[in-house]
Amino acid sequence: DFPIYSGAVPSEETAAGPVSGVFVVDGGDAKAIAAWTADQLVADGFDVNGESAVLEDGSYAIDGGREPGCEVHVELTPLGTLTSILILYGAECPNT
């Protein structure tokens, strides 16, 4: 299964288009959640970059990959007291 941060709950409200999953964390810190997510992806065998890159709006983007065609993109965006976690999981990735 894809690593989901403790306390994250599914949310359709923050999705803008097709995604593999959208979650929100109440009171979560985007930086801490990004670091945790990157660590979990590395533990699952992904090569990861971008977990420490903060964007202008305070969001983080994590990109990773493992076997050819298996790519993952995670966006973590602070929304007031919530942090949105948007996941794009490559169709070529095996179900883990």
Protein backbone atom coordinates (compact mmCIF):
# COMPACT_ATOMS: atom_id res chain seq x y z
CA ASP A 1 0.00 0.00 0.00
CA PHE A 2 1.06 3.59 -0.61
CA PRO A 3 2.34 5.21 2.61
CA ILE A 4 -0.35 7.46 4.09
CA TYR A 5 0.52 9.82 6.92
CA SER A 6 -1.09 9.06 10.28
CA GLY A 7 -4.28 11.07 10.72
CA ALA A 8 -4.77 11.64 6.99
CA VAL A 9 -8.33 11.14 5.77
CA PRO A 10 -9.57 10.81 2.17
CA SER A 11 -10.82 14.00 0.55
CA GLU A 12 -12.27 14.67 -2.88
CA GLU A 13 -12.57 18.40 -2.25
CA THR A 14 -8.95 19.30 -2.96
CA ALA A 15 -8.63 17.26 -6.18
CA ALA A 16 -8.51 19.11 -9.49
CA GLY A 17 -8.51 16.35 -12.09
CA PRO A 18 -7.64 12.67 -12.06
CA VAL A 19 -5.48 11.55 -9.13
CA SER A 20 -4.55 8.30 -7.44
CA GLY A 21 -5.50 9.67 -4.04
CA VAL A 22 -6.23 12.87 -2.14
CA PHE A 23 -6.02 13.15 1.62
CA VAL A 24 -6.06 15.93 4.19
CA VAL A 25 -4.42 16.13 7.59
CA ASP A 26 -5.96 18.43 10.19
CA GLY A 27 -3.28 20.45 11.93
CA GLY A 28 -0.49 18.80 9.93
CA ASP A 29 2.78 20.53 9.09
CA ALA A 30 3.47 20.25 5.34
CA LYS A 31 7.26 20.17 5.82
CA ALA A 32 7.11 17.35 8.38
CA ILE A 33 4.62 15.37 6.30
CA ALA A 34 6.79 15.82 3.19
CA ALA A 35 9.87 14.54 5.03
CA TRP A 36 7.93 11.54 6.41
CA THR A 37 6.47 10.73 2.98
CA ALA A 38 9.89 10.93 1.29
CA ASP A 39 11.40 8.64 3.94
CA GLN A 40 8.59 6.11 3.46
CA LEU A 41 8.97 6.13 -0.33
CA VAL A 42 12.72 5.56 -0.01
CA ALA A 43 12.02 2.65 2.37
CA ASP A 44 9.68 1.25 -0.33
CA GLY A 45 12.52 1.33 -2.87
CA PHE A 46 11.84 4.64 -4.64
CA ASP A 47 14.57 7.06 -5.66
CA VAL A 48 13.18 10.35 -4.36
CA ASN A 49 13.95 14.02 -4.92
CA GLY A 50 12.31 17.29 -4.01
CA GLU A 51 11.19 16.61 -0.45
CA SER A 52 12.99 19.66 0.86
CA ALA A 53 11.97 22.06 -1.92
CA VAL A 54 9.36 24.49 -0.68
CA LEU A 55 7.34 26.37 -3.29
CA GLU A 56 6.11 29.97 -3.08
CA ASP A 57 2.78 28.94 -1.55
CA GLY A 58 4.43 26.82 1.16
CA SER A 59 3.71 23.56 -0.61
CA TYR A 60 6.13 20.70 -1.29
CA ALA A 61 6.46 18.43 -4.30
CA ILE A 62 8.04 14.98 -4.14
CA ASP A 63 8.94 13.03 -7.26
CA GLY A 64 10.21 9.49 -7.22
CA GLY A 65 10.62 6.38 -9.27
CA ARG A 66 11.77 2.81 -9.14
CA GLU A 67 11.54 0.22 -11.93
CA PRO A 68 11.07 1.66 -15.45
CA GLY A 69 7.70 3.34 -15.83
CA CYS A 70 6.90 3.37 -12.12
CA GLU A 71 6.81 7.03 -11.14
CA VAL A 72 5.17 8.79 -8.22
CA HIS A 73 4.40 12.46 -7.65
CA VAL A 74 3.14 13.79 -4.31
CA GLU A 75 2.05 17.37 -3.63
CA LEU A 76 1.65 18.57 -0.05
CA THR A 77 -0.14 21.90 0.26
CA PRO A 78 -0.98 23.84 3.43
CA LEU A 79 -4.62 25.00 3.41
CA GLY A 80 -5.10 26.99 6.58
CA THR A 81 -5.30 24.43 9.39
CA LEU A 82 -5.24 21.50 6.91
CA THR A 83 -2.51 19.99 4.77
CA SER A 84 -3.64 18.49 1.47
CA ILE A 85 -1.78 15.42 0.15
CA LEU A 86 -2.32 14.77 -3.57
CA ILE A 87 -0.87 11.52 -4.96
CA LEU A 88 -0.23 10.58 -8.58
CA TYR A 89 0.90 6.95 -8.70
CA GLY A 90 2.08 5.62 -12.08
CA ALA A 91 -0.06 3.06 -13.87
CA GLU A 92 3.09 0.99 -14.50
CA CYS A 93 3.74 0.63 -10.77
CA PRO A 94 2.85 -2.75 -9.29
CA ASN A 95 0.32 -2.75 -6.48
CA THR A 96 2.39 -2.83 -3.30
